[in-house]
Protein backbone atom coordinates (compact mmCIF):
# COMPACT_ATOMS: atom_id res chain seq x y z
CA MET A 1 22.28 31.49 -36.72
CA GLY A 2 20.06 29.39 -38.91
CA GLN A 3 17.47 26.82 -37.82
CA THR A 4 18.54 23.20 -37.73
CA ASN A 5 16.54 19.99 -37.64
CA VAL A 6 18.10 17.61 -35.07
CA ALA A 7 17.03 13.94 -34.92
CA VAL A 8 17.69 12.39 -31.47
CA THR A 9 17.75 8.57 -31.24
CA ARG A 10 17.25 7.03 -27.73
CA THR A 11 18.03 3.50 -26.58
CA ASP A 12 14.28 2.85 -26.18
CA THR A 13 13.85 3.50 -29.95
CA THR A 14 11.85 6.74 -29.40
CA SER A 15 12.76 9.64 -31.73
CA TYR A 16 11.73 13.26 -31.55
CA PHE A 17 12.73 16.62 -33.10
CA THR A 18 13.81 19.88 -31.46
CA ASN A 19 15.60 23.10 -32.36
CA THR A 20 19.12 24.17 -31.53
CA SER A 21 21.52 26.87 -32.79
CA ALA A 22 25.08 27.46 -33.92
CA ILE A 23 25.13 24.47 -36.30
CA GLY A 24 23.98 25.87 -39.67
CA ASN A 25 21.62 24.38 -42.18
CA THR A 26 22.69 20.77 -41.66
CA ASN A 27 20.76 17.63 -40.72
CA VAL A 28 22.50 16.29 -37.55
CA VAL A 29 21.88 12.89 -35.95
CA VAL A 30 22.47 12.97 -32.16
CA THR A 31 22.59 9.67 -30.23
CA ARG A 32 21.59 9.81 -26.48
CA ALA A 33 22.35 6.98 -23.98
CA ASP A 34 19.84 7.96 -21.29
CA LEU A 35 16.06 7.48 -21.01
CA VAL A 36 15.09 11.20 -21.11
CA ASN A 37 12.48 12.82 -23.35
CA GLY A 38 12.87 16.54 -23.84
CA ASN A 39 14.88 19.30 -25.52
CA VAL A 40 18.58 18.76 -26.21
CA ARG A 41 20.19 21.47 -24.06
CA THR A 42 23.86 21.37 -25.10
CA THR A 43 26.10 23.05 -27.63
CA ASP A 44 28.57 20.09 -27.71
CA ILE A 45 27.01 17.90 -30.42
CA THR A 46 28.90 15.07 -32.16
CA VAL A 47 27.91 14.68 -35.77
CA ILE A 48 27.43 10.97 -36.42
CA SER A 49 26.15 11.29 -40.01
CA THR A 50 24.64 13.92 -42.34
CA ALA A 51 21.84 13.74 -44.86
CA ALA A 52 20.05 15.97 -47.32
CA PHE A 53 17.31 18.29 -46.06
CA GLY A 54 13.87 16.75 -45.88
CA ALA A 55 10.79 18.41 -47.26
CA THR A 56 10.09 21.93 -45.97
CA GLY A 57 7.85 21.85 -42.91
CA ALA A 58 4.66 23.82 -42.48
CA THR A 59 5.04 27.56 -41.92
CA GLY A 60 5.34 28.34 -38.21
CA ALA A 61 3.10 30.80 -36.44
CA THR A 62 3.92 34.51 -36.91
CA GLY A 63 6.52 35.63 -34.42
CA ALA A 64 5.79 38.30 -31.84
CA THR A 65 6.27 41.96 -32.83
CA GLY A 66 9.83 43.08 -32.41
CA ALA A 67 10.75 45.59 -29.72
CA THR A 68 10.45 49.30 -30.51
CA GLY A 69 13.65 50.75 -31.86
CA ALA A 70 15.73 53.21 -29.85
CA THR A 71 14.52 56.84 -29.75
CA GLY A 72 16.29 59.07 -32.28
CA ALA A 73 18.14 62.24 -31.39
CA THR A 74 16.02 65.18 -30.31
CA GLY A 75 15.20 67.45 -33.24
CA ALA A 76 14.77 71.19 -33.13
CA THR A 77 11.74 72.36 -31.22
CA GLY A 78 8.87 72.71 -33.62
CA PRO A 79 5.85 74.82 -33.21
CA THR A 80 3.42 73.73 -30.57
CA GLY A 81 1.07 71.24 -32.10
CA LEU A 82 -2.51 70.58 -31.26
CA THR A 83 -3.29 68.43 -28.27
CA GLY A 84 -3.18 64.80 -29.39
CA ALA A 85 -6.03 62.39 -28.92
CA THR A 86 -6.08 60.13 -25.85
CA GLY A 87 -3.88 57.09 -26.41
CA ALA A 88 -5.44 53.58 -26.82
CA THR A 89 -5.74 51.28 -23.81
CA GLY A 90 -2.61 49.20 -23.30
CA ALA A 91 -2.62 45.53 -24.28
CA THR A 92 -3.55 42.95 -21.64
CA GLY A 93 -0.49 41.55 -19.92
CA ALA A 94 0.71 38.09 -21.16
CA ALA A 95 -0.47 35.08 -19.09
CA ALA A 96 2.13 32.99 -17.33
CA THR A 97 2.93 29.60 -18.99
CA ILE A 98 3.90 26.19 -17.73
CA ALA A 99 5.63 23.45 -19.73
CA VAL A 100 7.12 20.01 -19.06
CA GLY A 101 10.90 20.00 -19.49
CA THR A 102 13.02 16.89 -19.03
CA VAL A 103 11.80 13.59 -17.52
CA SER A 104 14.66 11.48 -16.14
CA ALA A 105 15.24 8.52 -13.81
CA GLY A 106 16.73 9.00 -10.36
CA THR A 107 15.73 10.25 -6.91
CA ALA A 108 12.21 11.67 -7.12
CA ALA A 109 12.26 15.48 -7.62
CA VAL A 110 10.57 18.33 -9.61
CA ILE A 111 12.71 21.41 -10.55
CA ASN A 112 11.57 24.60 -12.32
CA SER A 113 14.34 25.31 -14.86
CA GLY A 114 12.32 28.22 -16.33
CA THR A 115 11.01 31.36 -14.60
CA SER A 116 8.04 32.11 -12.39
CA ALA A 117 6.15 33.54 -15.41
CA ALA A 118 7.30 30.86 -17.92
CA ALA A 119 7.78 27.75 -15.79
CA VAL A 120 9.60 24.69 -17.28
CA LEU A 121 9.28 21.77 -14.88
CA ASP A 122 12.00 19.08 -15.05
CA PHE A 123 10.82 15.79 -13.47
CA THR A 124 13.06 13.13 -11.95
CA LEU A 125 11.09 9.90 -11.38
CA GLN A 126 12.34 7.05 -9.25
CA THR A 127 12.31 3.96 -11.45
CA GLY A 128 11.71 0.46 -10.06
CA ALA A 129 13.51 -2.67 -11.29
CA THR A 130 12.96 -3.38 -15.01
CA GLY A 131 10.15 -5.91 -15.51
CA SER A 132 10.30 -8.68 -18.03
CA THR A 133 9.72 -7.67 -21.67
CA GLY A 134 6.04 -7.86 -22.55
CA ALA A 135 4.72 -9.32 -25.79
CA THR A 136 4.90 -6.99 -28.80
CA GLY A 137 1.66 -5.05 -29.13
CA ALA A 138 -0.26 -4.51 -32.33
CA THR A 139 0.80 -1.54 -34.49
CA GLY A 140 -1.07 1.54 -33.32
CA ALA A 141 -2.88 3.96 -35.61
CA THR A 142 -0.98 6.95 -37.02
CA GLY A 143 -0.79 9.67 -34.39
CA ALA A 144 -2.27 13.14 -34.87
CA THR A 145 -0.12 15.93 -36.29
CA GLY A 146 2.29 17.26 -33.67
CA PRO A 147 1.86 20.81 -32.23
CA THR A 148 3.22 23.87 -34.01
CA GLY A 149 6.87 24.54 -33.30
CA PRO A 150 7.90 27.24 -30.83
CA THR A 151 7.91 30.93 -31.81
CA GLY A 152 11.00 31.98 -33.67
CA PRO A 153 13.54 34.40 -32.14
CA THR A 154 12.86 38.16 -32.07
CA GLY A 155 14.06 39.94 -35.20
CA ALA A 156 16.90 42.47 -35.13
CA THR A 157 16.04 46.06 -34.23
CA GLY A 158 15.19 48.10 -37.38
CA PRO A 159 17.11 51.33 -38.28
CA THR A 160 16.15 54.54 -36.50
CA GLY A 161 13.50 56.46 -38.40
CA ALA A 162 13.83 60.15 -39.33
CA THR A 163 13.10 62.52 -36.54
CA GLY A 164 9.64 63.88 -36.83
CA SER A 165 8.39 67.07 -35.33
CA ILE A 166 7.51 66.62 -31.72
CA GLY A 167 3.89 67.01 -30.87
CA LEU A 168 2.43 67.64 -27.49
CA THR A 169 2.61 64.73 -25.14
CA GLY A 170 -0.67 62.85 -25.14
CA ALA A 171 -2.47 61.89 -21.96
CA THR A 172 -1.31 58.66 -20.34
CA GLY A 173 -3.59 55.79 -21.23
CA PRO A 174 -5.21 53.70 -18.51
CA THR A 175 -3.24 50.77 -17.05
CA GLY A 176 -3.97 47.48 -18.77
CA ALA A 177 -5.76 44.68 -16.88
CA THR A 178 -3.58 42.40 -14.80
CA GLY A 179 -2.80 39.13 -16.57
CA ALA A 180 -4.37 35.94 -15.06
CA ALA A 181 -2.02 33.87 -12.83
CA ALA A 182 -1.15 30.39 -14.04
CA THR A 183 -2.44 27.40 -11.99
CA ILE A 184 -1.08 23.89 -11.43
CA ALA A 185 -3.14 20.85 -10.29
CA VAL A 186 -2.37 17.12 -9.93
CA GLY A 187 -4.57 14.94 -12.15
CA THR A 188 -4.37 11.14 -12.05
CA VAL A 189 -1.57 9.02 -10.54
CA THR A 190 -1.27 5.54 -12.08
CA ALA A 191 1.23 2.67 -12.25
CA GLY A 192 3.08 2.07 -15.53
CA THR A 193 5.98 3.44 -17.54
CA ALA A 194 7.31 6.58 -15.82
CA ALA A 195 5.83 9.71 -17.39
CA VAL A 196 4.29 13.12 -16.59
CA THR A 197 1.62 14.51 -18.98
CA ASN A 198 0.00 17.96 -18.91
CA VAL A 199 -3.66 17.30 -19.78
CA GLY A 200 -4.59 20.93 -19.05
CA THR A 201 -3.25 24.09 -20.70
CA SER A 202 -0.08 26.16 -20.36
CA SER A 203 -1.87 28.61 -18.04
CA ALA A 204 -4.01 26.00 -16.19
CA ALA A 205 -1.80 22.93 -16.03
CA ILE A 206 -3.15 19.51 -14.87
CA PHE A 207 -0.34 16.96 -14.52
CA ASP A 208 -1.13 13.23 -14.84
CA PHE A 209 1.62 11.09 -13.29
CA ALA A 210 2.50 7.48 -14.31
CA LEU A 211 4.87 5.93 -11.73
CA GLN A 212 6.85 2.82 -12.52
CA THR A 213 6.54 0.30 -9.71
CA GLY A 214 9.73 -1.55 -8.71
CA ALA A 215 9.83 -5.32 -8.17
CA THR A 216 8.79 -6.64 -4.79
CA GLY A 217 11.81 -6.95 -2.48
CA ALA A 218 12.90 -10.29 -1.02
CA THR A 219 11.39 -11.34 2.31
CA GLY A 220 13.45 -10.17 5.27
CA ALA A 221 15.14 -12.54 7.66
CA THR A 222 13.04 -13.85 10.55
CA GLY A 223 13.43 -11.71 13.64
CA SER A 224 14.80 -13.10 16.88
CA THR A 225 12.40 -14.71 19.33
CA GLY A 226 10.99 -12.30 21.82
CA ALA A 227 11.53 -12.65 25.56
CA THR A 228 9.24 -15.06 27.42
CA GLY A 229 6.24 -13.28 28.81
CA ALA A 230 5.33 -13.30 32.53
CA GLN A 231 3.50 -16.36 33.81
CA GLY A 232 -0.28 -16.00 33.76
CA ILE A 233 -2.39 -16.17 36.90
CA GLN A 234 -3.57 -19.51 38.33
CA GLY A 235 -6.71 -20.76 36.62
CA ILE A 236 -9.81 -21.65 38.58
CA GLN A 237 -10.24 -25.18 39.90
CA GLY A 238 -11.83 -27.41 37.27
CA ALA A 239 -14.82 -29.59 38.03
CA THR A 240 -14.17 -33.08 39.40
CA GLY A 241 -13.94 -35.58 36.61
CA ALA A 242 -16.09 -38.67 36.39
CA THR A 243 -15.00 -41.83 38.22
CA GLY A 244 -12.78 -43.93 36.03
CA ALA A 245 -13.54 -47.51 35.06
CA THR A 246 -12.56 -50.26 37.52
CA GLY A 247 -9.11 -51.57 36.81
CA ALA A 248 -8.29 -55.19 36.03
CA THR A 249 -8.01 -57.60 38.99
CA GLY A 250 -4.49 -57.87 40.33
CA VAL A 251 -2.48 -61.03 41.00
CA GLU A 252 -3.82 -63.03 44.03
CA GLY A 253 -1.82 -62.08 47.11
CA GLY A 254 -2.39 -65.28 49.16
CA THR A 255 -5.61 -64.39 50.90
CA THR A 256 -7.45 -67.02 48.87
CA THR A 257 -4.64 -69.59 48.47
CA LEU A 258 -3.72 -69.70 52.15
CA THR A 259 -6.48 -71.30 54.25
CA THR A 260 -4.90 -72.64 57.46
CA LYS A 261 -2.75 -71.38 60.21
CA GLY A 262 0.93 -72.07 59.44
CA ASP A 263 0.38 -72.34 55.67
CA ILE A 264 3.25 -71.02 53.57
CA LEU A 265 2.75 -69.13 50.26
CA THR A 266 5.12 -70.55 47.66
CA ARG A 267 5.07 -71.20 43.93
CA SER A 268 4.93 -74.09 41.55
CA ALA A 269 6.51 -73.96 38.11
CA SER A 270 3.66 -71.74 36.79
CA ALA A 271 1.55 -70.26 39.62
CA LEU A 272 1.30 -69.36 43.28
CA ALA A 273 0.81 -72.42 45.52
CA ARG A 274 0.04 -73.30 49.14
CA GLN A 275 2.55 -75.26 51.21
CA ALA A 276 0.36 -76.66 53.98
CA VAL A 277 1.56 -76.45 57.56
CA GLY A 278 3.70 -79.44 58.49
CA THR A 279 3.63 -81.83 61.46
CA ASN A 280 4.95 -80.51 64.73
CA GLY A 281 8.72 -81.05 64.97
CA TYR A 282 9.22 -81.35 61.21
CA PHE A 283 11.47 -79.07 59.22
CA LEU A 284 11.03 -77.74 55.70
CA LYS A 285 13.44 -79.37 53.28
CA ALA A 286 14.13 -78.66 49.60
CA ASP A 287 12.99 -81.46 47.32
CA SER A 288 12.91 -80.89 43.55
CA THR A 289 10.60 -83.85 43.06
CA GLN A 290 7.81 -81.99 44.85
CA THR A 291 5.36 -79.64 43.08
CA THR A 292 6.55 -76.65 45.06
CA GLY A 293 10.13 -77.96 45.45
CA LEU A 294 9.61 -78.21 49.23
CA ILE A 295 8.66 -80.93 51.69
CA TRP A 296 8.22 -81.27 55.44
CA ALA A 297 10.69 -83.87 56.81
CA THR A 298 11.65 -85.41 60.17
CA ILE A 299 14.83 -84.34 61.86
CA PRO A 300 17.53 -87.09 61.54
CA SER A 301 18.27 -88.93 64.83
CA VAL A 302 21.65 -88.11 66.33
CA SER A 303 23.39 -89.82 69.26
CA ILE A 304 23.45 -87.60 72.30
CA LEU A 305 26.89 -86.46 73.40
CA ASP A 306 26.92 -87.17 77.07
CA ASP A 307 30.29 -88.90 77.48
CA VAL A 308 33.80 -88.59 76.11
CA GLY A 309 33.55 -92.14 74.86
CA ASP A 310 30.84 -91.06 72.41
CA VAL A 311 33.52 -89.25 70.35
CA THR A 312 36.26 -90.76 68.27
CA ILE A 313 39.18 -88.41 67.59
CA THR A 314 41.64 -89.40 64.92
CA SER A 315 44.62 -87.21 64.10
CA ALA A 316 42.91 -83.97 65.07
CA ALA A 317 43.98 -80.84 63.12
CA SER A 318 43.48 -77.13 63.57
CA GLY A 319 40.16 -75.86 62.17
CA GLN A 320 38.42 -79.22 62.28
CA VAL A 321 34.96 -79.66 63.81
CA LEU A 322 33.09 -82.46 65.48
CA GLN A 323 30.86 -84.20 62.97
CA TRP A 324 28.34 -87.09 63.03
CA ASN A 325 29.22 -89.53 60.26
CA GLY A 326 25.99 -91.58 60.58
CA SER A 327 27.26 -93.95 63.22
CA ALA A 328 29.62 -91.95 65.46
CA TRP A 329 30.95 -88.48 66.23
CA VAL A 330 34.33 -87.89 64.60
CA ASN A 331 36.61 -84.99 63.91
CA ALA A 332 36.40 -83.71 60.31
CA THR A 333 37.30 -80.72 58.10
CA VAL A 334 34.41 -78.37 57.38
CA SER A 335 33.34 -78.05 53.73
CA SER A 336 33.71 -74.64 52.02
CA ASP A 337 29.89 -74.49 51.96
CA VAL A 338 28.54 -75.94 55.15
CA MET A 339 24.97 -75.41 53.96
CA THR A 340 25.30 -77.86 51.07
CA ASP A 341 27.46 -80.51 52.84
CA THR A 342 25.11 -83.23 54.13
CA ARG A 343 27.81 -84.33 56.54
CA ASN A 344 27.25 -81.15 58.51
CA ALA A 345 23.51 -81.58 58.76
CA ALA A 346 23.68 -83.22 62.15
CA LEU A 347 26.10 -80.62 63.46
CA ILE A 348 23.99 -77.75 62.20
CA LEU A 349 20.81 -79.21 63.62
CA MET A 350 22.54 -79.89 66.86
CA ASP A 351 23.68 -76.24 67.08
CA ILE A 352 20.18 -75.02 66.28
CA GLY A 353 18.69 -77.21 68.97
CA ALA A 354 21.28 -76.28 71.58
């Protein structure tokens, strides 16, 4: 198969070149829809468009020596030759190599898709939420020339040479030195666009990681209120506070207003007042013309009932009472409110005095 230049266009506008086989000498444009940098590892390639070959690239490095051809058929035994010289020391074994394969988005993982002696590490980096598009940066300087392409495939085995006469077997050469083991170390780990870069060599790799930070998640809901804690112990007795200020003087309760035995505490229209003790035998009577609305008054004189002739009964009826009308005792109907009917005054006073 011939060598083919394949241009791969990604959605982030990054282009790169790689090698593939089984296509022929044709320029093929392959469009990818993921965010992966690396070699195109598929034989199913859709040709979107073709174009003429570009200028011939620089000559690649010389390929490794092809494998030794198969041993020819054994010839006739020749005469015994002279003992051959000791063979040269074998070449030093090849050092193991390490290379970065694919870098993709997903659950974080690192997988060796090569071998233990030629490791190819495929990285899967967990990508955070896409941030807002930053401002367009200034155009960078032209990058350095890319590395030399990979070694070409081993050439086909050459035809078997003519059988020479067989000499004596030479002494076995000493075993070559053991090749150095490859090493891997972690370099820097920074925040930014997801990437893994080998800043060491293929036999002493140092990987620098750039991890893309996701957006900060929304604040979680407030948790439920915890159970009420046990009541604390009783605090110590505080010091006695200072004596408070003396309160305002209360309303006078009569100790000042009342001065004499028998005085009565009453009220005028606006303040407490003293109703002085009355004359012996007087009774307290309501009188709105007085300052306190009260006055001591004499008991009205009433004829003493000591004879039937002192009473004049006229058409007596059930429920009537004996009443003094101012000049004589007569039968009369009691008012619905005997306390406000002045006609009953003599009767009431008489009952009180009885």
